[in-house]
PDB file of N, CA and C in Angstrom:
ATOM      1  N   MET A   1       0.819  -1.208   0.000  1.00  0.00           N
ATOM      2  CA  MET A   1       0.000   0.000   0.000  1.00  0.00           C
ATOM      3  C   MET A   1       0.860   1.268   0.000  1.00  0.00           C
ATOM      4  N   ARG A   2       2.135   1.120  -0.296  1.00  0.00           N
ATOM      5  CA  ARG A   2       2.991   2.303  -0.404  1.00  0.00           C
ATOM      6  C   ARG A   2       2.526   3.231  -1.519  1.00  0.00           C
ATOM      7  N   ILE A   3       1.987   2.648  -2.570  1.00  0.00           N
ATOM      8  CA  ILE A   3       1.501   3.465  -3.691  1.00  0.00           C
ATOM      9  C   ILE A   3       0.392   4.396  -3.205  1.00  0.00           C
ATOM     10  N   ALA A   4      -0.564   3.856  -2.453  1.00  0.00           N
ATOM     11  CA  ALA A   4      -1.677   4.658  -1.932  1.00  0.00           C
ATOM     12  C   ALA A   4      -1.162   5.722  -0.970  1.00  0.00           C
ATOM     13  N   ARG A   5      -0.208   5.342  -0.128  1.00  0.00           N
ATOM     14  CA  ARG A   5       0.353   6.292   0.828  1.00  0.00           C
ATOM     15  C   ARG A   5       1.042   7.442   0.092  1.00  0.00           C
ATOM     16  N   ASN A   6       1.834   7.117  -0.915  1.00  0.00           N
ATOM     17  CA  ASN A   6       2.536   8.156  -1.674  1.00  0.00           C
ATOM     18  C   ASN A   6       1.564   9.080  -2.404  1.00  0.00           C
ATOM     19  N   ALA A   7       0.496   8.521  -2.961  1.00  0.00           N
ATOM     20  CA  ALA A   7      -0.516   9.349  -3.629  1.00  0.00           C
ATOM     21  C   ALA A   7      -1.201  10.266  -2.616  1.00  0.00           C
ATOM     22  N   GLY A   8      -1.505   9.741  -1.436  1.00  0.00           N
ATOM     23  CA  GLY A   8      -2.120  10.550  -0.387  1.00  0.00           C
ATOM     24  C   GLY A   8      -1.219  11.677   0.077  1.00  0.00           C
ATOM     25  N   ILE A   9       0.059  11.382   0.242  1.00  0.00           N
ATOM     26  CA  ILE A   9       1.019  12.416   0.638  1.00  0.00           C
ATOM     27  C   ILE A   9       1.090  13.504  -0.425  1.00  0.00           C
ATOM     28  N   GLN A  10       1.055  13.108  -1.683  1.00  0.00           N
ATOM     29  CA  GLN A  10       1.082  14.085  -2.780  1.00  0.00           C
ATOM     30  C   GLN A  10      -0.140  15.002  -2.718  1.00  0.00           C
ATOM     31  N   VAL A  11      -1.310  14.436  -2.443  1.00  0.00           N
ATOM     32  CA  VAL A  11      -2.535  15.238  -2.321  1.00  0.00           C
ATOM     33  C   VAL A  11      -2.412  16.208  -1.146  1.00  0.00           C
ATOM     34  N   LEU A  12      -1.981  15.713   0.015  1.00  0.00           N
ATOM     35  CA  LEU A  12      -1.883  16.551   1.214  1.00  0.00           C
ATOM     36  C   LEU A  12      -0.861  17.673   1.049  1.00  0.00           C
ATOM     37  N   ARG A  13       0.277  17.371   0.478  1.00  0.00           N
ATOM     38  CA  ARG A  13       1.320  18.394   0.289  1.00  0.00           C
ATOM     39  C   ARG A  13       0.896  19.473  -0.700  1.00  0.00           C
ATOM     40  N   SER A  14      -0.069  19.162  -1.531  1.00  0.00           N
ATOM     41  CA  SER A  14      -0.551  20.128  -2.522  1.00  0.00           C
ATOM     42  C   SER A  14      -1.786  20.875  -2.049  1.00  0.00           C
ATOM     43  N   GLY A  15      -2.166  20.699  -0.778  1.00  0.00           N
ATOM     44  CA  GLY A  15      -3.298  21.427  -0.221  1.00  0.00           C
ATOM     45  C   GLY A  15      -4.629  20.719  -0.344  1.00  0.00           C
ATOM     46  N   GLY A  16      -4.632  19.469  -0.785  1.00  0.00           N
ATOM     47  CA  GLY A  16      -5.869  18.703  -0.891  1.00  0.00           C
ATOM     48  C   GLY A  16      -6.210  17.992   0.408  1.00  0.00           C
ATOM     49  N   VAL A  17      -7.307  17.261   0.397  1.00  0.00           N
ATOM     50  CA  VAL A  17      -7.785  16.526   1.571  1.00  0.00           C
ATOM     51  C   VAL A  17      -8.031  15.079   1.166  1.00  0.00           C
ATOM     52  N   VAL A  18      -7.511  14.142   1.956  1.00  0.00           N
ATOM     53  CA  VAL A  18      -7.789  12.722   1.739  1.00  0.00           C
ATOM     54  C   VAL A  18      -8.947  12.346   2.647  1.00  0.00           C
ATOM     55  N   ARG A  19     -10.068  11.929   2.063  1.00  0.00           N
ATOM     56  CA  ARG A  19     -11.247  11.543   2.843  1.00  0.00           C
ATOM     57  C   ARG A  19     -11.108  10.155   3.434  1.00  0.00           C
ATOM     58  N   GLY A  20     -10.396   9.281   2.753  1.00  0.00           N
ATOM     59  CA  GLY A  20     -10.205   7.939   3.286  1.00  0.00           C
ATOM     60  C   GLY A  20      -9.623   6.978   2.269  1.00  0.00           C
ATOM     61  N   TYR A  21      -9.143   5.863   2.800  1.00  0.00           N
ATOM     62  CA  TYR A  21      -8.619   4.760   1.991  1.00  0.00           C
ATOM     63  C   TYR A  21      -9.467   3.529   2.249  1.00  0.00           C
ATOM     64  N   THR A  22      -9.696   2.740   1.235  1.00  0.00           N
ATOM     65  CA  THR A  22     -10.339   1.440   1.389  1.00  0.00           C
ATOM     66  C   THR A  22      -9.491   0.424   0.641  1.00  0.00           C
ATOM     67  N   ASN A  23      -9.023  -0.596   1.358  1.00  0.00           N
ATOM     68  CA  ASN A  23      -8.223  -1.656   0.750  1.00  0.00           C
ATOM     69  C   ASN A  23      -9.137  -2.841   0.501  1.00  0.00           C
ATOM     70  N   TRP A  24      -9.379  -3.167  -0.757  1.00  0.00           N
ATOM     71  CA  TRP A  24     -10.239  -4.295  -1.108  1.00  0.00           C
ATOM     72  C   TRP A  24      -9.454  -5.592  -1.229  1.00  0.00           C
ATOM     73  N   GLY A  25      -8.146  -5.535  -1.131  1.00  0.00           N
ATOM     74  CA  GLY A  25      -7.335  -6.744  -1.170  1.00  0.00           C
ATOM     75  C   GLY A  25      -6.930  -7.148  -2.577  1.00  0.00           C
ATOM     76  N   THR A  26      -6.427  -8.381  -2.677  1.00  0.00           N
ATOM     77  CA  THR A  26      -5.920  -8.900  -3.946  1.00  0.00           C
ATOM     78  C   THR A  26      -7.000  -9.685  -4.670  1.00  0.00           C
ATOM     79  N   PHE A  27      -7.173  -9.392  -5.950  1.00  0.00           N
ATOM     80  CA  PHE A  27      -8.152 -10.077  -6.791  1.00  0.00           C
ATOM     81  C   PHE A  27      -7.485 -10.513  -8.089  1.00  0.00           C
ATOM     82  N   ARG A  28      -8.040 -11.545  -8.693  1.00  0.00           N
ATOM     83  CA  ARG A  28      -7.622 -11.946 -10.036  1.00  0.00           C
ATOM     84  C   ARG A  28      -8.136 -10.878 -11.004  1.00  0.00           C
ATOM     85  N   LEU A  29      -7.298 -10.481 -11.939  1.00  0.00           N
ATOM     86  CA  LEU A  29      -7.697  -9.501 -12.946  1.00  0.00           C
ATOM     87  C   LEU A  29      -8.639 -10.149 -13.960  1.00  0.00           C
ATOM     88  N   PRO A  30      -9.536  -9.374 -14.586  1.00  0.00           N
ATOM     89  CA  PRO A  30     -10.473  -9.946 -15.560  1.00  0.00           C
ATOM     90  C   PRO A  30      -9.768 -10.672 -16.704  1.00  0.00           C
ATOM     91  N   LYS A  31      -8.610 -10.163 -17.089  1.00  0.00           N
ATOM     92  CA  LYS A  31      -7.798 -10.839 -18.106  1.00  0.00           C
ATOM     93  C   LYS A  31      -6.336 -10.506 -17.809  1.00  0.00           C
ATOM     94  N   PRO A  32      -5.414 -11.384 -18.187  1.00  0.00           N
ATOM     95  CA  PRO A  32      -3.996 -11.088 -17.953  1.00  0.00           C
ATOM     96  C   PRO A  32      -3.610  -9.755 -18.592  1.00  0.00           C
ATOM     97  N   THR A  33      -2.806  -8.984 -17.886  1.00  0.00           N
ATOM     98  CA  THR A  33      -2.431  -7.648 -18.321  1.00  0.00           C
ATOM     99  C   THR A  33      -0.914  -7.512 -18.339  1.00  0.00           C
ATOM    100  N   THR A  34      -0.393  -6.855 -19.350  1.00  0.00           N
ATOM    101  CA  THR A  34       1.040  -6.586 -19.426  1.00  0.00           C
ATOM    102  C   THR A  34       1.269  -5.105 -19.178  1.00  0.00           C
ATOM    103  N   LYS A  35       2.186  -4.819 -18.266  1.00  0.00           N
ATOM    104  CA  LYS A  35       2.538  -3.430 -17.949  1.00  0.00           C
ATOM    105  C   LYS A  35       4.018  -3.390 -17.598  1.00  0.00           C
ATOM    106  N   HIS A  36       4.739  -2.441 -18.143  1.00  0.00           N
ATOM    107  CA  HIS A  36       6.176  -2.301 -17.897  1.00  0.00           C
ATOM    108  C   HIS A  36       6.912  -3.611 -18.159  1.00  0.00           C
ATOM    109  N   GLN A  37       6.563  -4.280 -19.239  1.00  0.00           N
ATOM    110  CA  GLN A  37       7.184  -5.519 -19.704  1.00  0.00           C
ATOM    111  C   GLN A  37       7.028  -6.687 -18.727  1.00  0.00           C
ATOM    112  N   ALA A  38       6.015  -6.645 -17.888  1.00  0.00           N
ATOM    113  CA  ALA A  38       5.717  -7.755 -16.976  1.00  0.00           C
ATOM    114  C   ALA A  38       4.256  -8.145 -17.168  1.00  0.00           C
ATOM    115  N   ARG A  39       3.950  -9.407 -16.945  1.00  0.00           N
ATOM    116  CA  ARG A  39       2.585  -9.918 -17.123  1.00  0.00           C
ATOM    117  C   ARG A  39       1.968 -10.163 -15.752  1.00  0.00           C
ATOM    118  N   TYR A  40       0.724  -9.707 -15.570  1.00  0.00           N
ATOM    119  CA  TYR A  40       0.034  -9.809 -14.284  1.00  0.00           C
ATOM    120  C   TYR A  40      -1.295 -10.527 -14.450  1.00  0.00           C
ATOM    121  N   THR A  41      -1.635 -11.354 -13.471  1.00  0.00           N
ATOM    122  CA  THR A  41      -2.942 -12.008 -13.437  1.00  0.00           C
ATOM    123  C   THR A  41      -3.724 -11.606 -12.193  1.00  0.00           C
ATOM    124  N   GLU A  42      -3.048 -11.012 -11.207  1.00  0.00           N
ATOM    125  CA  GLU A  42      -3.691 -10.542  -9.974  1.00  0.00           C
ATOM    126  C   GLU A  42      -3.249  -9.116  -9.689  1.00  0.00           C
ATOM    127  N   GLY A  43      -4.068  -8.412  -8.915  1.00  0.00           N
ATOM    128  CA  GLY A  43      -3.718  -7.055  -8.539  1.00  0.00           C
ATOM    129  C   GLY A  43      -4.332  -6.673  -7.208  1.00  0.00           C
ATOM    130  N   GLN A  44      -3.675  -5.775  -6.506  1.00  0.00           N
ATOM    131  CA  GLN A  44      -4.159  -5.230  -5.241  1.00  0.00           C
ATOM    132  C   GLN A  44      -5.103  -4.085  -5.574  1.00  0.00           C
ATOM    133  N   HIS A  45      -6.324  -4.129  -5.069  1.00  0.00           N
ATOM    134  CA  HIS A  45      -7.327  -3.102  -5.365  1.00  0.00           C
ATOM    135  C   HIS A  45      -7.501  -2.197  -4.146  1.00  0.00           C
ATOM    136  N   PHE A  46      -7.406  -0.892  -4.364  1.00  0.00           N
ATOM    137  CA  PHE A  46      -7.662   0.059  -3.286  1.00  0.00           C
ATOM    138  C   PHE A  46      -8.352   1.287  -3.858  1.00  0.00           C
ATOM    139  N   ILE A  47      -9.053   1.970  -2.973  1.00  0.00           N
ATOM    140  CA  ILE A  47      -9.724   3.217  -3.341  1.00  0.00           C
ATOM    141  C   ILE A  47      -9.237   4.298  -2.390  1.00  0.00           C
ATOM    142  N   MET A  48      -8.847   5.426  -2.954  1.00  0.00           N
ATOM    143  CA  MET A  48      -8.491   6.590  -2.156  1.00  0.00           C
ATOM    144  C   MET A  48      -9.449   7.695  -2.566  1.00  0.00           C
ATOM    145  N   ARG A  49     -10.260   8.142  -1.637  1.00  0.00           N
ATOM    146  CA  ARG A  49     -11.169   9.263  -1.912  1.00  0.00           C
ATOM    147  C   ARG A  49     -10.489  10.538  -1.444  1.00  0.00           C
ATOM    148  N   PHE A  50     -10.413  11.509  -2.348  1.00  0.00           N
ATOM    149  CA  PHE A  50      -9.723  12.747  -2.010  1.00  0.00           C
ATOM    150  C   PHE A  50     -10.363  13.931  -2.714  1.00  0.00           C
ATOM    151  N   ASP A  51     -10.146  15.104  -2.145  1.00  0.00           N
ATOM    152  CA  ASP A  51     -10.574  16.372  -2.733  1.00  0.00           C
ATOM    153  C   ASP A  51      -9.309  17.155  -3.064  1.00  0.00           C
ATOM    154  N   ALA A  52      -9.198  17.604  -4.304  1.00  0.00           N
ATOM    155  CA  ALA A  52      -8.023  18.365  -4.724  1.00  0.00           C
ATOM    156  C   ALA A  52      -8.344  19.124  -6.006  1.00  0.00           C
ATOM    157  N   SER A  53      -7.481  20.056  -6.322  1.00  0.00           N
ATOM    158  CA  SER A  53      -7.650  20.839  -7.553  1.00  0.00           C
ATOM    159  C   SER A  53      -7.367  19.965  -8.771  1.00  0.00           C
ATOM    160  N   GLY A  54      -7.747  20.467  -9.929  1.00  0.00           N
ATOM    161  CA  GLY A  54      -7.495  19.743 -11.171  1.00  0.00           C
ATOM    162  C   GLY A  54      -6.013  19.504 -11.411  1.00  0.00           C
ATOM    163  N   ALA A  55      -5.185  20.478 -11.050  1.00  0.00           N
ATOM    164  CA  ALA A  55      -3.737  20.330 -11.234  1.00  0.00           C
ATOM    165  C   ALA A  55      -3.183  19.206 -10.362  1.00  0.00           C
ATOM    166  N   VAL A  56      -3.690  19.091  -9.142  1.00  0.00           N
ATOM    167  CA  VAL A  56      -3.242  18.023  -8.235  1.00  0.00           C
ATOM    168  C   VAL A  56      -3.701  16.670  -8.764  1.00  0.00           C
ATOM    169  N   GLN A  57      -4.925  16.600  -9.258  1.00  0.00           N
ATOM    170  CA  GLN A  57      -5.419  15.340  -9.829  1.00  0.00           C
ATOM    171  C   GLN A  57      -4.564  14.913 -11.019  1.00  0.00           C
ATOM    172  N   THR A  58      -4.180  15.850 -11.850  1.00  0.00           N
ATOM    173  CA  THR A  58      -3.311  15.545 -12.989  1.00  0.00           C
ATOM    174  C   THR A  58      -1.957  15.034 -12.511  1.00  0.00           C
ATOM    175  N   ALA A  59      -1.415  15.662 -11.466  1.00  0.00           N
ATOM    176  CA  ALA A  59      -0.124  15.232 -10.920  1.00  0.00           C
ATOM    177  C   ALA A  59      -0.218  13.825 -10.325  1.00  0.00           C
ATOM    178  N   VAL A  60      -1.318  13.524  -9.636  1.00  0.00           N
ATOM    179  CA  VAL A  60      -1.510  12.184  -9.068  1.00  0.00           C
ATOM    180  C   VAL A  60      -1.608  11.159 -10.194  1.00  0.00           C
ATOM    181  N   ARG A  61      -2.356  11.469 -11.245  1.00  0.00           N
ATOM    182  CA  ARG A  61      -2.451  10.559 -12.400  1.00  0.00           C
ATOM    183  C   ARG A  61      -1.082  10.299 -13.020  1.00  0.00           C
ATOM    184  N   ARG A  62      -0.307  11.357 -13.172  1.00  0.00           N
ATOM    185  CA  ARG A  62       1.024  11.214 -13.766  1.00  0.00           C
ATOM    186  C   ARG A  62       1.912  10.331 -12.882  1.00  0.00           C
ATOM    187  N   THR A  63       1.877  10.562 -11.573  1.00  0.00           N
ATOM    188  CA  THR A  63       2.678   9.768 -10.637  1.00  0.00           C
ATOM    189  C   THR A  63       2.272   8.301 -10.668  1.00  0.00           C
ATOM    190  N   LEU A  64       0.974   8.032 -10.644  1.00  0.00           N
ATOM    191  CA  LEU A  64       0.505   6.641 -10.672  1.00  0.00           C
ATOM    192  C   LEU A  64       0.861   5.967 -11.990  1.00  0.00           C
ATOM    193  N   GLY A  65       0.756   6.699 -13.086  1.00  0.00           N
ATOM    194  CA  GLY A  65       1.063   6.135 -14.395  1.00  0.00           C
ATOM    195  C   GLY A  65       2.531   5.786 -14.570  1.00  0.00           C
ATOM    196  N   LEU A  66       3.405   6.511 -13.896  1.00  0.00           N
ATOM    197  CA  LEU A  66       4.842   6.261 -14.013  1.00  0.00           C
ATOM    198  C   LEU A  66       5.344   5.205 -13.037  1.00  0.00           C
ATOM    199  N   ASP A  67       4.562   4.878 -12.027  1.00  0.00           N
ATOM    200  CA  ASP A  67       4.989   3.895 -11.021  1.00  0.00           C
ATOM    201  C   ASP A  67       4.929   2.490 -11.619  1.00  0.00           C
ATOM    202  N   PRO A  68       6.045   1.766 -11.671  1.00  0.00           N
ATOM    203  CA  PRO A  68       6.041   0.431 -12.275  1.00  0.00           C
ATOM    204  C   PRO A  68       5.210  -0.591 -11.502  1.00  0.00           C
ATOM    205  N   ARG A  69       4.866  -0.299 -10.250  1.00  0.00           N
ATOM    206  CA  ARG A  69       4.041  -1.228  -9.457  1.00  0.00           C
ATOM    207  C   ARG A  69       2.557  -1.079  -9.761  1.00  0.00           C
ATOM    208  N   MET A  70       2.175   0.012 -10.421  1.00  0.00           N
ATOM    209  CA  MET A  70       0.769   0.287 -10.708  1.00  0.00           C
ATOM    210  C   MET A  70       0.394  -0.330 -12.047  1.00  0.00           C
ATOM    211  N   ILE A  71      -0.559  -1.257 -12.028  1.00  0.00           N
ATOM    212  CA  ILE A  71      -0.985  -1.929 -13.256  1.00  0.00           C
ATOM    213  C   ILE A  71      -2.022  -1.084 -13.984  1.00  0.00           C
ATOM    214  N   ARG A  72      -3.081  -0.708 -13.277  1.00  0.00           N
ATOM    215  CA  ARG A  72      -4.150   0.138 -13.832  1.00  0.00           C
ATOM    216  C   ARG A  72      -4.664   1.044 -12.734  1.00  0.00           C
ATOM    217  N   PHE A  73      -5.242   2.172 -13.137  1.00  0.00           N
ATOM    218  CA  PHE A  73      -5.871   3.065 -12.170  1.00  0.00           C
ATOM    219  C   PHE A  73      -6.874   3.934 -12.901  1.00  0.00           C
ATOM    220  N   SER A  74      -7.752   4.546 -12.142  1.00  0.00           N
ATOM    221  CA  SER A  74      -8.661   5.538 -12.705  1.00  0.00           C
ATOM    222  C   SER A  74      -8.959   6.578 -11.638  1.00  0.00           C
ATOM    223  N   VAL A  75      -9.245   7.774 -12.085  1.00  0.00           N
ATOM    224  CA  VAL A  75      -9.643   8.870 -11.206  1.00  0.00           C
ATOM    225  C   VAL A  75     -11.046   9.262 -11.633  1.00  0.00           C
ATOM    226  N   VAL A  76     -11.982   9.256 -10.684  1.00  0.00           N
ATOM    227  CA  VAL A  76     -13.386   9.528 -10.980  1.00  0.00           C
ATOM    228  C   VAL A  76     -13.812  10.792 -10.243  1.00  0.00           C
ATOM    229  N   LYS A  77     -14.369  11.728 -10.975  1.00  0.00           N
ATOM    230  CA  LYS A  77     -14.876  12.965 -10.387  1.00  0.00           C
ATOM    231  C   LYS A  77     -16.291  12.710  -9.876  1.00  0.00           C
ATOM    232  N   LEU A  78     -16.522  12.978  -8.587  1.00  0.00           N
ATOM    233  CA  LEU A  78     -17.827  12.706  -7.983  1.00  0.00           C
ATOM    234  C   LEU A  78     -18.760  13.909  -8.003  1.00  0.00           C
ATOM    235  N   GLY A  79     -18.245  15.093  -8.298  1.00  0.00           N
ATOM    236  CA  GLY A  79     -19.103  16.269  -8.353  1.00  0.00           C
ATOM    237  C   GLY A  79     -18.304  17.527  -8.610  1.00  0.00           C
ATOM    238  N   ASP A  80     -19.021  18.596  -8.984  1.00  0.00           N
ATOM    239  CA  ASP A  80     -18.382  19.879  -9.267  1.00  0.00           C
ATOM    240  C   ASP A  80     -18.424  20.834  -8.082  1.00  0.00           C
ATOM    241  N   LYS A  81     -19.469  20.728  -7.284  1.00  0.00           N
ATOM    242  CA  LYS A  81     -19.684  21.693  -6.211  1.00  0.00           C
ATOM    243  C   LYS A  81     -19.698  20.998  -4.860  1.00  0.00           C
ATOM    244  N   LEU A  82     -19.425  21.771  -3.819  1.00  0.00           N
ATOM    245  CA  LEU A  82     -19.381  21.236  -2.461  1.00  0.00           C
ATOM    246  C   LEU A  82     -20.696  20.575  -2.077  1.00  0.00           C
ATOM    247  N   GLU A  83     -21.813  21.147  -2.504  1.00  0.00           N
ATOM    248  CA  GLU A  83     -23.120  20.574  -2.169  1.00  0.00           C
ATOM    249  C   GLU A  83     -23.260  19.153  -2.720  1.00  0.00           C
ATOM    250  N   GLU A  84     -22.613  18.876  -3.845  1.00  0.00           N
ATOM    251  CA  GLU A  84     -22.716  17.560  -4.483  1.00  0.00           C
ATOM    252  C   GLU A  84     -21.861  16.499  -3.793  1.00  0.00           C
ATOM    253  N   ILE A  85     -20.791  16.914  -3.120  1.00  0.00           N
ATOM    254  CA  ILE A  85     -19.869  15.937  -2.544  1.00  0.00           C
ATOM    255  C   ILE A  85     -19.751  16.007  -1.029  1.00  0.00           C
ATOM    256  N   LYS A  86     -20.484  16.900  -0.391  1.00  0.00           N
ATOM    257  CA  LYS A  86     -20.315  17.097   1.053  1.00  0.00           C
ATOM    258  C   LYS A  86     -20.644  15.858   1.876  1.00  0.00           C
ATOM    259  N   ASP A  87     -21.525  14.988   1.392  1.00  0.00           N
ATOM    260  CA  ASP A  87     -21.914  13.800   2.148  1.00  0.00           C
ATOM    261  C   ASP A  87     -21.195  12.528   1.689  1.00  0.00           C
ATOM    262  N   VAL A  88     -20.216  12.665   0.808  1.00  0.00           N
ATOM    263  CA  VAL A  88     -19.476  11.494   0.325  1.00  0.00           C
ATOM    264  C   VAL A  88     -18.579  10.991   1.445  1.00  0.00           C
ATOM    265  N   ASP A  89     -18.735   9.712   1.771  1.00  0.00           N
ATOM    266  CA  ASP A  89     -17.950   9.092   2.832  1.00  0.00           C
ATOM    267  C   ASP A  89     -16.573   8.713   2.299  1.00  0.00           C
ATOM    268  N   GLY A  90     -15.616   8.571   3.195  1.00  0.00           N
ATOM    269  CA  GLY A  90     -14.266   8.195   2.795  1.00  0.00           C
ATOM    270  C   GLY A  90     -14.091   6.719   2.535  1.00  0.00           C
ATOM    271  N   LYS A  91     -14.958   5.892   3.106  1.00  0.00           N
ATOM    272  CA  LYS A  91     -14.823   4.440   2.962  1.00  0.00           C
ATOM    273  C   LYS A  91     -15.813   3.923   1.923  1.00  0.00           C
ATOM    274  N   VAL A  92     -15.360   2.975   1.111  1.00  0.00           N
ATOM    275  CA  VAL A  92     -16.206   2.384   0.078  1.00  0.00           C
ATOM    276  C   VAL A  92     -16.317   0.898   0.368  1.00  0.00           C
ATOM    277  N   GLU A  93     -17.506   0.449   0.698  1.00  0.00           N
ATOM    278  CA  GLU A  93     -17.724  -0.963   1.023  1.00  0.00           C
ATOM    279  C   GLU A  93     -17.906  -1.780  -0.240  1.00  0.00           C
ATOM    280  N   TRP A  94     -17.429  -3.002  -0.220  1.00  0.00           N
ATOM    281  CA  TRP A  94     -17.659  -3.951  -1.306  1.00  0.00           C
ATOM    282  C   TRP A  94     -19.101  -4.402  -1.214  1.00  0.00           C
ATOM    283  N   ASN A  95     -19.831  -4.399  -2.325  1.00  0.00           N
ATOM    284  CA  ASN A  95     -21.248  -4.749  -2.327  1.00  0.00           C
ATOM    285  C   ASN A  95     -21.404  -6.259  -2.481  1.00  0.00           C
ATOM    286  N   ASN A  96     -21.629  -6.962  -1.366  1.00  0.00           N
ATOM    287  CA  ASN A  96     -21.809  -8.414  -1.395  1.00  0.00           C
ATOM    288  C   ASN A  96     -23.263  -8.819  -1.556  1.00  0.00           C
ATOM    289  N   SER A  97     -24.182  -7.905  -1.302  1.00  0.00           N
ATOM    290  CA  SER A  97     -25.596  -8.272  -1.259  1.00  0.00           C
ATOM    291  C   SER A  97     -26.274  -8.244  -2.624  1.00  0.00           C
ATOM    292  N   ARG A  98     -25.684  -7.600  -3.603  1.00  0.00           N
ATOM    293  CA  ARG A  98     -26.324  -7.433  -4.901  1.00  0.00           C
ATOM    294  C   ARG A  98     -25.838  -8.490  -5.880  1.00  0.00           C
ATOM    295  N   SER A  99     -26.750  -9.134  -6.550  1.00  0.00           N
ATOM    296  CA  SER A  99     -26.353 -10.111  -7.561  1.00  0.00           C
ATOM    297  C   SER A  99     -26.331  -9.449  -8.929  1.00  0.00           C
ATOM    298  N   ILE A 100     -25.692 -10.087  -9.881  1.00  0.00           N
ATOM    299  CA  ILE A 100     -25.585  -9.510 -11.225  1.00  0.00           C
ATOM    300  C   ILE A 100     -26.956  -9.368 -11.877  1.00  0.00           C
ATOM    301  N   SER A 101     -27.898 -10.236 -11.522  1.00  0.00           N
ATOM    302  CA  SER A 101     -29.232 -10.160 -12.123  1.00  0.00           C
ATOM    303  C   SER A 101     -29.997  -8.924 -11.656  1.00  0.00           C
ATOM    304  N   ASP A 102     -29.579  -8.314 -10.519  1.00  0.00           N
ATOM    305  CA  ASP A 102     -30.239  -7.100 -10.045  1.00  0.00           C
ATOM    306  C   ASP A 102     -29.991  -5.919 -10.975  1.00  0.00           C
ATOM    307  N   SER A 103     -28.894  -5.946 -11.729  1.00  0.00           N
ATOM    308  CA  SER A 103     -28.564  -4.805 -12.576  1.00  0.00           C
ATOM    309  C   SER A 103     -28.984  -5.003 -14.028  1.00  0.00           C
ATOM    310  N   ILE A 104     -29.567  -6.150 -14.348  1.00  0.00           N
ATOM    311  CA  ILE A 104     -29.974  -6.423 -15.736  1.00  0.00           C
ATOM    312  C   ILE A 104     -31.411  -6.008 -15.951  1.00  0.00           C
TER     313      ILE A 104
END
């Protein structure tokens, strides 16, 4: 989880706020993936919820993309205004209760 820690430190040093980390553990990837000339079938999944400026988000993306330990990542914008994100919790629970047929 050094990757998550380093990303969080980058957000904090740039004036952002880390709302929380959620470690979902190690999972098999949907398909084997090659990154930095190595092949992976499993990956550590974590979520870091943070508030930061667009420039900080770009810097975090660049840092994660250059880290050879990072296979894949995404940054998702949850809202534009404080009213839209004020109730967003820092922890993200894995949804065990919903089956795939619920979303079809």
